[in-house]
C-alpha atoms as a PDB file:
ATOM      1  CA  MET A   1     -38.607 -69.361  15.839  1.00  0.00           C
ATOM      2  CA  PHE A   2     -41.934 -68.212  17.263  1.00  0.00           C
ATOM      3  CA  LYS A   3     -43.613 -70.025  20.105  1.00  0.00           C
ATOM      4  CA  LEU A   4     -47.117 -69.505  21.479  1.00  0.00           C
ATOM      5  CA  ILE A   5     -46.862 -68.206  25.046  1.00  0.00           C
ATOM      6  CA  TYR A   6     -50.391 -66.971  25.791  1.00  0.00           C
ATOM      7  CA  ASP A   7     -53.932 -67.446  24.520  1.00  0.00           C
ATOM      8  CA  LYS A   8     -57.068 -66.617  26.476  1.00  0.00           C
ATOM      9  CA  THR A   9     -60.535 -65.063  26.306  1.00  0.00           C
ATOM     10  CA  LEU A  10     -61.688 -63.239  29.451  1.00  0.00           C
ATOM     11  CA  ASP A  11     -65.119 -61.907  30.442  1.00  0.00           C
ATOM     12  CA  ASN A  12     -65.820 -58.318  31.358  1.00  0.00           C
ATOM     13  CA  THR A  13     -64.287 -57.999  34.830  1.00  0.00           C
ATOM     14  CA  ILE A  14     -67.539 -56.851  36.449  1.00  0.00           C
ATOM     15  CA  PHE A  15     -69.227 -60.135  35.515  1.00  0.00           C
ATOM     16  CA  THR A  16     -66.328 -62.142  36.928  1.00  0.00           C
ATOM     17  CA  LYS A  17     -66.405 -60.225  40.222  1.00  0.00           C
ATOM     18  CA  LEU A  18     -70.166 -60.727  40.547  1.00  0.00           C
ATOM     19  CA  HIS A  19     -69.969 -64.423  39.547  1.00  0.00           C
ATOM     20  CA  LEU A  20     -72.278 -63.804  36.596  1.00  0.00           C
ATOM     21  CA  THR A  21     -72.080 -65.683  33.317  1.00  0.00           C
ATOM     22  CA  PRO A  22     -72.578 -63.384  30.335  1.00  0.00           C
ATOM     23  CA  VAL A  23     -72.884 -64.399  26.706  1.00  0.00           C
ATOM     24  CA  VAL A  24     -69.375 -64.654  25.260  1.00  0.00           C
ATOM     25  CA  GLU A  25     -68.944 -63.220  21.769  1.00  0.00           C
ATOM     26  CA  ASP A  26     -65.141 -63.342  21.364  1.00  0.00           C
ATOM     27  CA  TYR A  27     -63.671 -66.470  19.837  1.00  0.00           C
ATOM     28  CA  TYR A  28     -60.227 -67.591  18.726  1.00  0.00           C
ATOM     29  CA  LYS A  29     -58.578 -70.617  17.219  1.00  0.00           C
ATOM     30  CA  ILE A  30     -54.958 -71.664  16.823  1.00  0.00           C
ATOM     31  CA  ASN A  31     -53.221 -74.362  14.818  1.00  0.00           C
ATOM     32  CA  GLY A  32     -49.476 -74.220  15.289  1.00  0.00           C
ATOM     33  CA  LEU A  33     -48.327 -70.992  13.678  1.00  0.00           C
ATOM     34  CA  SER A  34     -51.774 -70.170  12.263  1.00  0.00           C
ATOM     35  CA  PHE A  35     -54.182 -68.132  14.349  1.00  0.00           C
ATOM     36  CA  CYS A  36     -57.433 -66.218  14.172  1.00  0.00           C
ATOM     37  CA  VAL A  37     -59.292 -63.919  16.603  1.00  0.00           C
ATOM     38  CA  ALA A  38     -62.862 -62.716  16.037  1.00  0.00           C
ATOM     39  CA  ASP A  39     -65.161 -60.502  18.067  1.00  0.00           C
ATOM     40  CA  GLY A  40     -68.929 -60.784  17.577  1.00  0.00           C
ATOM     41  CA  VAL A  41     -70.553 -57.387  17.096  1.00  0.00           C
ATOM     42  CA  THR A  42     -72.646 -56.370  20.123  1.00  0.00           C
ATOM     43  CA  ARG A  43     -76.355 -56.698  19.482  1.00  0.00           C
ATOM     44  CA  ASP A  44     -79.426 -54.935  20.888  1.00  0.00           C
ATOM     45  CA  ASN A  45     -80.959 -56.760  23.839  1.00  0.00           C
ATOM     46  CA  ILE A  46     -84.121 -58.843  23.622  1.00  0.00           C
ATOM     47  CA  LYS A  47     -86.203 -55.740  24.405  1.00  0.00           C
ATOM     48  CA  GLY A  48     -84.754 -53.907  21.419  1.00  0.00           C
ATOM     49  CA  GLU A  49     -82.669 -51.581  23.604  1.00  0.00           C
ATOM     50  CA  ALA A  50     -79.132 -50.422  22.987  1.00  0.00           C
ATOM     51  CA  VAL A  51     -76.643 -52.279  25.158  1.00  0.00           C
ATOM     52  CA  ILE A  52     -74.205 -50.403  27.379  1.00  0.00           C
ATOM     53  CA  TYR A  53     -71.240 -51.927  29.136  1.00  0.00           C
ATOM     54  CA  PRO A  54     -72.292 -52.333  32.785  1.00  0.00           C
ATOM     55  CA  GLU A  55     -70.647 -50.452  35.610  1.00  0.00           C
ATOM     56  CA  THR A  56     -72.884 -51.476  38.526  1.00  0.00           C
ATOM     57  CA  LYS A  57     -74.271 -54.733  39.874  1.00  0.00           C
ATOM     58  CA  GLU A  58     -77.764 -53.786  38.718  1.00  0.00           C
ATOM     59  CA  GLU A  59     -76.584 -53.002  35.194  1.00  0.00           C
ATOM     60  CA  ALA A  60     -74.604 -56.259  35.030  1.00  0.00           C
ATOM     61  CA  GLU A  61     -77.550 -58.328  36.169  1.00  0.00           C
ATOM     62  CA  TYR A  62     -79.847 -56.571  33.675  1.00  0.00           C
ATOM     63  CA  TRP A  63     -77.318 -57.172  30.910  1.00  0.00           C
ATOM     64  CA  VAL A  64     -77.209 -60.912  31.605  1.00  0.00           C
ATOM     65  CA  ALA A  65     -81.004 -61.140  31.880  1.00  0.00           C
ATOM     66  CA  THR A  66     -81.770 -59.278  28.674  1.00  0.00           C
ATOM     67  CA  TYR A  67     -78.894 -59.995  26.258  1.00  0.00           C
ATOM     68  CA  PRO A  68     -79.713 -62.521  23.475  1.00  0.00           C
ATOM     69  CA  ASN A  69     -78.627 -65.974  24.599  1.00  0.00           C
ATOM     70  CA  PRO A  70     -77.454 -67.734  22.527  1.00  0.00           C
ATOM     71  CA  SER A  71     -76.067 -64.942  20.381  1.00  0.00           C
ATOM     72  CA  GLY A  72     -75.673 -65.209  16.644  1.00  0.00           C
ATOM     73  CA  ALA A  73     -72.757 -62.795  16.955  1.00  0.00           C
ATOM     74  CA  PHE A  74     -70.792 -65.515  18.744  1.00  0.00           C
ATOM     75  CA  ASP A  75     -71.718 -67.970  16.015  1.00  0.00           C
ATOM     76  CA  SER A  76     -70.320 -65.575  13.401  1.00  0.00           C
ATOM     77  CA  ALA A  77     -67.044 -65.233  15.294  1.00  0.00           C
ATOM     78  CA  LYS A  78     -66.686 -68.988  15.626  1.00  0.00           C
ATOM     79  CA  ILE A  79     -67.436 -69.598  11.953  1.00  0.00           C
ATOM     80  CA  VAL A  80     -64.838 -67.025  10.848  1.00  0.00           C
ATOM     81  CA  CYS A  81     -62.094 -68.500  13.054  1.00  0.00           C
ATOM     82  CA  ASP A  82     -62.904 -72.101  12.225  1.00  0.00           C
ATOM     83  CA  THR A  83     -63.006 -71.303   8.509  1.00  0.00           C
ATOM     84  CA  PHE A  84     -59.728 -69.421   8.482  1.00  0.00           C
ATOM     85  CA  ILE A  85     -57.843 -72.164  10.335  1.00  0.00           C
ATOM     86  CA  SER A  86     -59.274 -75.000   8.254  1.00  0.00           C
ATOM     87  CA  GLU A  87     -58.827 -73.253   4.907  1.00  0.00           C
ATOM     88  CA  ILE A  88     -55.314 -71.888   5.455  1.00  0.00           C
ATOM     89  CA  ALA A  89     -54.209 -75.417   6.415  1.00  0.00           C
ATOM     90  CA  LYS A  90     -54.950 -76.540   2.858  1.00  0.00           C
ATOM     91  CA  TYR A  91     -52.013 -74.491   1.525  1.00  0.00           C
ATOM     92  CA  ALA A  92     -48.373 -75.522   1.663  1.00  0.00           C
ATOM     93  CA  GLU A  93     -46.015 -72.962   3.189  1.00  0.00           C
ATOM     94  CA  ASN A  94     -44.613 -72.022  -0.235  1.00  0.00           C
ATOM     95  CA  GLU A  95     -48.163 -71.233  -1.387  1.00  0.00           C
ATOM     96  CA  ILE A  96     -48.852 -68.700   1.358  1.00  0.00           C
ATOM     97  CA  SER A  97     -48.990 -65.100   0.140  1.00  0.00           C
ATOM     98  CA  GLU A  98     -51.076 -61.983   0.607  1.00  0.00           C
ATOM     99  CA  LYS A  99     -53.236 -63.251  -2.243  1.00  0.00           C
ATOM    100  CA  THR A 100     -53.762 -66.556  -0.421  1.00  0.00           C
ATOM    101  CA  ILE A 101     -54.674 -64.715   2.773  1.00  0.00           C
ATOM    102  CA  MET A 102     -57.196 -62.573   0.906  1.00  0.00           C
ATOM    103  CA  THR A 103     -58.746 -65.650  -0.680  1.00  0.00           C
ATOM    104  CA  VAL A 104     -59.165 -67.329   2.690  1.00  0.00           C
ATOM    105  CA  ALA A 105     -60.462 -64.174   4.383  1.00  0.00           C
ATOM    106  CA  LYS A 106     -63.117 -63.868   1.686  1.00  0.00           C
ATOM    107  CA  GLN A 107     -64.029 -67.507   2.306  1.00  0.00           C
ATOM    108  CA  CYS A 108     -64.518 -66.586   5.981  1.00  0.00           C
ATOM    109  CA  ASN A 109     -67.024 -63.952   4.964  1.00  0.00           C
ATOM    110  CA  LYS A 110     -68.849 -66.226   2.520  1.00  0.00           C
ATOM    111  CA  ALA A 111     -69.121 -68.874   5.247  1.00  0.00           C
ATOM    112  CA  LEU A 112     -71.478 -66.519   7.108  1.00  0.00           C
ATOM    113  CA  LYS A 113     -74.056 -66.359   4.313  1.00  0.00           C
ATOM    114  CA  PRO A 114     -76.075 -69.356   5.615  1.00  0.00           C
ATOM    115  CA  LEU A 115     -76.106 -67.871   9.127  1.00  0.00           C
ATOM    116  CA  ASN A 116     -77.926 -64.764   7.941  1.00  0.00           C
ATOM    117  CA  ALA A 117     -79.936 -66.324   5.104  1.00  0.00           C
ATOM    118  CA  ASN A 118     -83.735 -66.147   5.346  1.00  0.00           C
ATOM    119  CA  ARG A 119     -83.626 -63.645   8.197  1.00  0.00           C
ATOM    120  CA  LYS A 120     -85.626 -60.423   8.077  1.00  0.00           C
ATOM    121  CA  ILE A 121     -82.956 -57.872   8.878  1.00  0.00           C
ATOM    122  CA  ASP A 122     -84.232 -54.745  10.674  1.00  0.00           C
ATOM    123  CA  TYR A 123     -80.790 -53.572  11.959  1.00  0.00           C
ATOM    124  CA  LEU A 124     -82.125 -53.607  15.547  1.00  0.00           C
ATOM    125  CA  LYS A 125     -83.199 -56.805  17.304  1.00  0.00           C
ATOM    126  CA  GLU A 126     -82.733 -58.585  13.984  1.00  0.00           C
ATOM    127  CA  ASP A 127     -79.420 -57.138  12.882  1.00  0.00           C
ATOM    128  CA  TYR A 128     -76.916 -59.161  10.896  1.00  0.00           C
ATOM    129  CA  TYR A 129     -74.987 -61.704  12.941  1.00  0.00           C
ATOM    130  CA  CYS A 130     -71.520 -60.328  12.260  1.00  0.00           C
ATOM    131  CA  CYS A 131     -68.031 -59.938  13.689  1.00  0.00           C
ATOM    132  CA  GLU A 132     -64.653 -58.253  13.373  1.00  0.00           C
ATOM    133  CA  GLY A 133     -61.566 -60.364  12.927  1.00  0.00           C
ATOM    134  CA  VAL A 134     -57.853 -60.837  12.343  1.00  0.00           C
ATOM    135  CA  GLY A 135     -55.889 -63.892  11.362  1.00  0.00           C
ATOM    136  CA  GLY A 136     -52.498 -64.919  10.142  1.00  0.00           C
ATOM    137  CA  LYS A 137     -49.850 -67.507   9.548  1.00  0.00           C
ATOM    138  CA  ILE A 138     -46.173 -67.308  10.393  1.00  0.00           C
ATOM    139  CA  VAL A 139     -44.048 -68.643   7.538  1.00  0.00           C
ATOM    140  CA  GLY A 140     -40.304 -68.495   8.053  1.00  0.00           C
ATOM    141  CA  ASN A 141     -39.358 -64.883   8.729  1.00  0.00           C
ATOM    142  CA  TYR A 142     -42.681 -63.409   7.609  1.00  0.00           C
ATOM    143  CA  LEU A 143     -46.186 -63.009   8.933  1.00  0.00           C
ATOM    144  CA  TYR A 144     -48.949 -63.164   6.363  1.00  0.00           C
ATOM    145  CA  CYS A 145     -52.168 -61.836   7.846  1.00  0.00           C
ATOM    146  CA  PHE A 146     -55.487 -60.032   7.393  1.00  0.00           C
ATOM    147  CA  SER A 147     -57.623 -57.629   9.379  1.00  0.00           C
ATOM    148  CA  LEU A 148     -61.183 -56.416   9.188  1.00  0.00           C
ATOM    149  CA  GLY A 149     -62.520 -53.928  11.731  1.00  0.00           C
ATOM    150  CA  ASP A 150     -61.278 -53.277  15.235  1.00  0.00           C
ATOM    151  CA  CYS A 151     -59.540 -56.522  16.108  1.00  0.00           C
ATOM    152  CA  HIS A 152     -55.769 -56.069  15.892  1.00  0.00           C
ATOM    153  CA  ILE A 153     -52.451 -57.699  15.188  1.00  0.00           C
ATOM    154  CA  THR A 154     -49.581 -55.756  16.749  1.00  0.00           C
ATOM    155  CA  LEU A 155     -45.910 -56.682  16.443  1.00  0.00           C
ATOM    156  CA  LEU A 156     -43.389 -55.596  19.070  1.00  0.00           C
ATOM    157  CA  ASP A 157     -39.623 -55.456  19.293  1.00  0.00           C
ATOM    158  CA  GLU A 158     -37.715 -56.595  22.387  1.00  0.00           C
ATOM    159  CA  ASN A 159     -38.205 -53.166  24.004  1.00  0.00           C
ATOM    160  CA  TYR A 160     -41.992 -53.236  23.462  1.00  0.00           C
ATOM    161  CA  ASN A 161     -41.915 -50.681  20.682  1.00  0.00           C
ATOM    162  CA  ILE A 162     -44.647 -51.202  18.096  1.00  0.00           C
ATOM    163  CA  VAL A 163     -43.056 -52.398  14.849  1.00  0.00           C
ATOM    164  CA  PHE A 164     -46.346 -52.885  13.024  1.00  0.00           C
ATOM    165  CA  THR A 165     -50.079 -52.827  13.666  1.00  0.00           C
ATOM    166  CA  THR A 166     -53.034 -53.584  11.440  1.00  0.00           C
ATOM    167  CA  ILE A 167     -55.481 -51.030  10.072  1.00  0.00           C
ATOM    168  CA  ASN A 168     -58.605 -50.278  12.137  1.00  0.00           C
ATOM    169  CA  ASN A 169     -61.160 -49.060   9.610  1.00  0.00           C
ATOM    170  CA  HIS A 170     -63.611 -48.294  12.399  1.00  0.00           C
ATOM    171  CA  LYS A 171     -61.501 -45.242  13.139  1.00  0.00           C
ATOM    172  CA  GLN A 172     -62.357 -43.539   9.856  1.00  0.00           C
ATOM    173  CA  PHE A 173     -66.061 -43.858  10.671  1.00  0.00           C
ATOM    174  CA  GLU A 174     -65.625 -42.805  14.307  1.00  0.00           C
ATOM    175  CA  ASP A 175     -63.634 -39.733  13.258  1.00  0.00           C
ATOM    176  CA  PHE A 176     -66.349 -38.754  10.787  1.00  0.00           C
ATOM    177  CA  LEU A 177     -69.141 -39.370  13.293  1.00  0.00           C
ATOM    178  CA  ASN A 178     -67.519 -37.471  16.164  1.00  0.00           C
ATOM    179  CA  ASN A 179     -65.816 -34.630  14.314  1.00  0.00           C
ATOM    180  CA  ILE A 180     -68.140 -33.915  11.395  1.00  0.00           C
ATOM    181  CA  TYR A 181     -71.562 -35.592  11.547  1.00  0.00           C
ATOM    182  CA  SER A 182     -72.295 -34.949  15.235  1.00  0.00           C
ATOM    183  CA  LYS A 183     -71.375 -31.283  14.943  1.00  0.00           C
ATOM    184  CA  ASN A 184     -74.175 -30.728  12.442  1.00  0.00           C
ATOM    185  CA  HIS A 185     -76.722 -33.396  13.385  1.00  0.00           C
ATOM    186  CA  GLU A 186     -78.245 -34.893  16.488  1.00  0.00           C
ATOM    187  CA  PHE A 187     -76.868 -38.321  17.320  1.00  0.00           C
ATOM    188  CA  ASN A 188     -78.052 -40.528  20.180  1.00  0.00           C
ATOM    189  CA  TRP A 189     -77.178 -44.236  20.146  1.00  0.00           C
ATOM    190  CA  ASP A 190     -80.117 -44.969  22.443  1.00  0.00           C
ATOM    191  CA  ASN A 191     -82.482 -43.804  19.693  1.00  0.00           C
ATOM    192  CA  PRO A 192     -83.180 -46.757  17.386  1.00  0.00           C
ATOM    193  CA  LYS A 193     -83.115 -44.653  14.228  1.00  0.00           C
ATOM    194  CA  TYR A 194     -79.452 -43.825  14.750  1.00  0.00           C
ATOM    195  CA  ARG A 195     -78.509 -47.454  15.330  1.00  0.00           C
ATOM    196  CA  VAL A 196     -80.291 -48.308  12.071  1.00  0.00           C
ATOM    197  CA  MET A 197     -78.451 -45.470  10.353  1.00  0.00           C
ATOM    198  CA  VAL A 198     -75.018 -46.687  11.483  1.00  0.00           C
ATOM    199  CA  ARG A 199     -75.646 -50.354  10.775  1.00  0.00           C
ATOM    200  CA  LYS A 200     -77.491 -49.915   7.482  1.00  0.00           C
ATOM    201  CA  ASP A 201     -75.901 -46.819   5.943  1.00  0.00           C
ATOM    202  CA  TYR A 202     -72.311 -46.935   7.188  1.00  0.00           C
ATOM    203  CA  ARG A 203     -71.469 -50.585   7.844  1.00  0.00           C
ATOM    204  CA  ASN A 204     -70.344 -52.545   4.797  1.00  0.00           C
ATOM    205  CA  ASN A 205     -71.265 -49.670   2.487  1.00  0.00           C
ATOM    206  CA  PRO A 206     -68.233 -48.636   0.424  1.00  0.00           C
ATOM    207  CA  SER A 207     -70.255 -45.991  -1.391  1.00  0.00           C
ATOM    208  CA  LYS A 208     -70.299 -43.770   1.715  1.00  0.00           C
ATOM    209  CA  LYS A 209     -67.726 -41.027   1.168  1.00  0.00           C
ATOM    210  CA  TYR A 210     -66.984 -37.591   2.553  1.00  0.00           C
ATOM    211  CA  GLU A 211     -64.835 -35.296   0.436  1.00  0.00           C
ATOM    212  CA  GLY A 212     -63.843 -38.334  -1.593  1.00  0.00           C
ATOM    213  CA  LYS A 213     -62.647 -40.378   1.419  1.00  0.00           C
ATOM    214  CA  ASP A 214     -64.084 -43.552   2.927  1.00  0.00           C
ATOM    215  CA  ILE A 215     -66.151 -42.941   6.054  1.00  0.00           C
ATOM    216  CA  SER A 216     -67.759 -46.367   6.365  1.00  0.00           C
ATOM    217  CA  PHE A 217     -66.544 -49.454   8.218  1.00  0.00           C
ATOM    218  CA  GLY A 218     -66.674 -53.190   7.773  1.00  0.00           C
ATOM    219  CA  ALA A 219     -67.680 -56.396   9.517  1.00  0.00           C
ATOM    220  CA  PHE A 220     -67.785 -60.030   8.432  1.00  0.00           C
ATOM    221  CA  SER A 221     -71.500 -60.614   7.793  1.00  0.00           C
ATOM    222  CA  GLY A 222     -71.743 -62.678   4.635  1.00  0.00           C
ATOM    223  CA  GLU A 223     -72.570 -59.563   2.593  1.00  0.00           C
ATOM    224  CA  ASP A 224     -70.362 -59.286  -0.481  1.00  0.00           C
ATOM    225  CA  THR A 225     -69.614 -55.650   0.325  1.00  0.00           C
ATOM    226  CA  ALA A 226     -67.856 -56.704   3.545  1.00  0.00           C
ATOM    227  CA  GLU A 227     -64.912 -57.922   1.470  1.00  0.00           C
ATOM    228  CA  TYR A 228     -64.069 -54.320   0.516  1.00  0.00           C
ATOM    229  CA  TYR A 229     -62.819 -53.794   4.090  1.00  0.00           C
ATOM    230  CA  ILE A 230     -60.419 -56.736   4.274  1.00  0.00           C
ATOM    231  CA  ASN A 231     -56.775 -55.649   4.477  1.00  0.00           C
ATOM    232  CA  THR A 232     -53.906 -58.076   3.954  1.00  0.00           C
ATOM    233  CA  TYR A 233     -50.267 -57.784   4.922  1.00  0.00           C
ATOM    234  CA  LYS A 234     -46.861 -59.425   4.537  1.00  0.00           C
ATOM    235  CA  VAL A 235     -44.656 -58.340   7.445  1.00  0.00           C
ATOM    236  CA  ASP A 236     -40.939 -58.977   7.911  1.00  0.00           C
ATOM    237  CA  LEU A 237     -40.316 -60.460  11.360  1.00  0.00           C
ATOM    238  CA  SER A 238     -36.572 -59.739  11.495  1.00  0.00           C
ATOM    239  CA  ASN A 239     -36.927 -57.198  14.282  1.00  0.00           C
ATOM    240  CA  VAL A 240     -40.001 -58.685  15.952  1.00  0.00           C
ATOM    241  CA  LYS A 241     -39.959 -60.278  19.394  1.00  0.00           C
ATOM    242  CA  TYR A 242     -43.712 -60.603  20.018  1.00  0.00           C
ATOM    243  CA  ILE A 243     -46.738 -61.156  17.781  1.00  0.00           C
ATOM    244  CA  CYS A 244     -49.960 -60.121  19.522  1.00  0.00           C
ATOM    245  CA  ALA A 245     -53.445 -60.735  18.114  1.00  0.00           C
ATOM    246  CA  TYR A 246     -56.360 -59.393  20.095  1.00  0.00           C
ATOM    247  CA  SER A 247     -59.927 -58.127  20.198  1.00  0.00           C
ATOM    248  CA  ASP A 248     -60.750 -54.502  20.957  1.00  0.00           C
ATOM    249  CA  GLY A 249     -61.148 -55.217  24.667  1.00  0.00           C
ATOM    250  CA  CYS A 250     -57.351 -55.354  24.855  1.00  0.00           C
ATOM    251  CA  GLU A 251     -56.806 -51.917  23.278  1.00  0.00           C
ATOM    252  CA  PRO A 252     -56.129 -50.143  26.610  1.00  0.00           C
ATOM    253  CA  PHE A 253     -53.203 -52.482  27.215  1.00  0.00           C
ATOM    254  CA  PHE A 254     -51.570 -51.392  23.928  1.00  0.00           C
ATOM    255  CA  GLU A 255     -51.878 -47.609  24.338  1.00  0.00           C
ATOM    256  CA  ASN A 256     -48.192 -46.930  24.941  1.00  0.00           C
ATOM    257  CA  GLN A 257     -44.836 -48.582  25.492  1.00  0.00           C
ATOM    258  CA  THR A 258     -45.263 -48.649  29.281  1.00  0.00           C
ATOM    259  CA  SER A 259     -48.661 -50.316  29.259  1.00  0.00           C
ATOM    260  CA  ILE A 260     -47.453 -52.805  26.651  1.00  0.00           C
ATOM    261  CA  GLY A 261     -44.374 -53.651  28.696  1.00  0.00           C
ATOM    262  CA  ASN A 262     -46.429 -54.122  31.867  1.00  0.00           C
ATOM    263  CA  LEU A 263     -48.710 -56.522  30.027  1.00  0.00           C
ATOM    264  CA  ILE A 264     -46.046 -58.585  28.259  1.00  0.00           C
ATOM    265  CA  GLU A 265     -43.978 -58.923  31.437  1.00  0.00           C
ATOM    266  CA  ASN A 266     -47.047 -60.157  33.339  1.00  0.00           C
ATOM    267  CA  LEU A 267     -49.556 -61.603  30.912  1.00  0.00           C
ATOM    268  CA  ASP A 268     -51.739 -62.867  33.752  1.00  0.00           C
ATOM    269  CA  SER A 269     -52.456 -59.229  34.605  1.00  0.00           C
ATOM    270  CA  LEU A 270     -54.851 -59.183  31.654  1.00  0.00           C
ATOM    271  CA  LYS A 271     -57.437 -60.790  33.923  1.00  0.00           C
ATOM    272  CA  ASN A 272     -57.441 -57.896  36.364  1.00  0.00           C
ATOM    273  CA  THR A 273     -59.480 -55.333  34.437  1.00  0.00           C
ATOM    274  CA  GLY A 274     -61.338 -54.752  31.198  1.00  0.00           C
ATOM    275  CA  LYS A 275     -64.363 -55.662  29.131  1.00  0.00           C
ATOM    276  CA  GLU A 276     -64.535 -58.940  27.206  1.00  0.00           C
ATOM    277  CA  ARG A 277     -61.122 -59.447  25.648  1.00  0.00           C
ATOM    278  CA  THR A 278     -59.077 -62.048  23.816  1.00  0.00           C
ATOM    279  CA  LEU A 279     -55.309 -62.099  23.465  1.00  0.00           C
ATOM    280  CA  ILE A 280     -52.915 -64.418  21.646  1.00  0.00           C
ATOM    281  CA  VAL A 281     -49.155 -63.870  21.996  1.00  0.00           C
ATOM    282  CA  TYR A 282     -46.277 -65.546  20.151  1.00  0.00           C
ATOM    283  CA  GLN A 283     -42.677 -64.934  21.265  1.00  0.00           C
ATOM    284  CA  ASN A 284     -39.536 -65.224  19.186  1.00  0.00           C
ATOM    285  CA  VAL A 285     -37.421 -67.602  21.263  1.00  0.00           C
END
């Protein structure tokens, strides 16, 4: 049987070291063997500037002073997690399937419609309040789960080999941007027109293709088109020792077998370095 052994959200380490309190945009919720992690999409600051992750005291202080507080991105993450946990609880174990998970994940997206209703979206200071997310439920010897964007669920065997990991559909956009678009066009994230381009033309826009392949990416926003990017899974847990659900801030810890082993053997080490990050771990005991 699987038992929860770790669940925590941690701030960017630089804020912790400087005793600063940034706006938190990760959120997670757990109910027994059901779980959900969501990561609010970083917004422009109140001056309409692109936000960079701080590396100095001055940058960290400026970040805290100018980042929207409260942030609607956090609200979106909380709504998605709360909705998933409350809605999946309405189903008996024998009713859980990939279809059920898809239904509930779509409900999570629809739950964001009121958050963004009656807002004048400019894709800069007034971008959609949106988030990435993963969620699942352990039923017997299977995990039924969903993913959208660059949050992850990764399953490990007893030797910390990756047995399964969810799809990151941000990668298809990043590959296109870095390897194709940027070779033929100027691209500068600090320039507002490129942030508008990414958020308006490539996010939640399934019509964007290159040589017949998807090059867009998704985020829970309440837009109907976001549902195109939801992936669902039924995964056999026979050879699985650990179930890990996490936001993208934990990606460096899952780069290879060594880094994974170092983390799992000392989960408290997660607090030592990194940007904002959330991790949930279940162990087969």
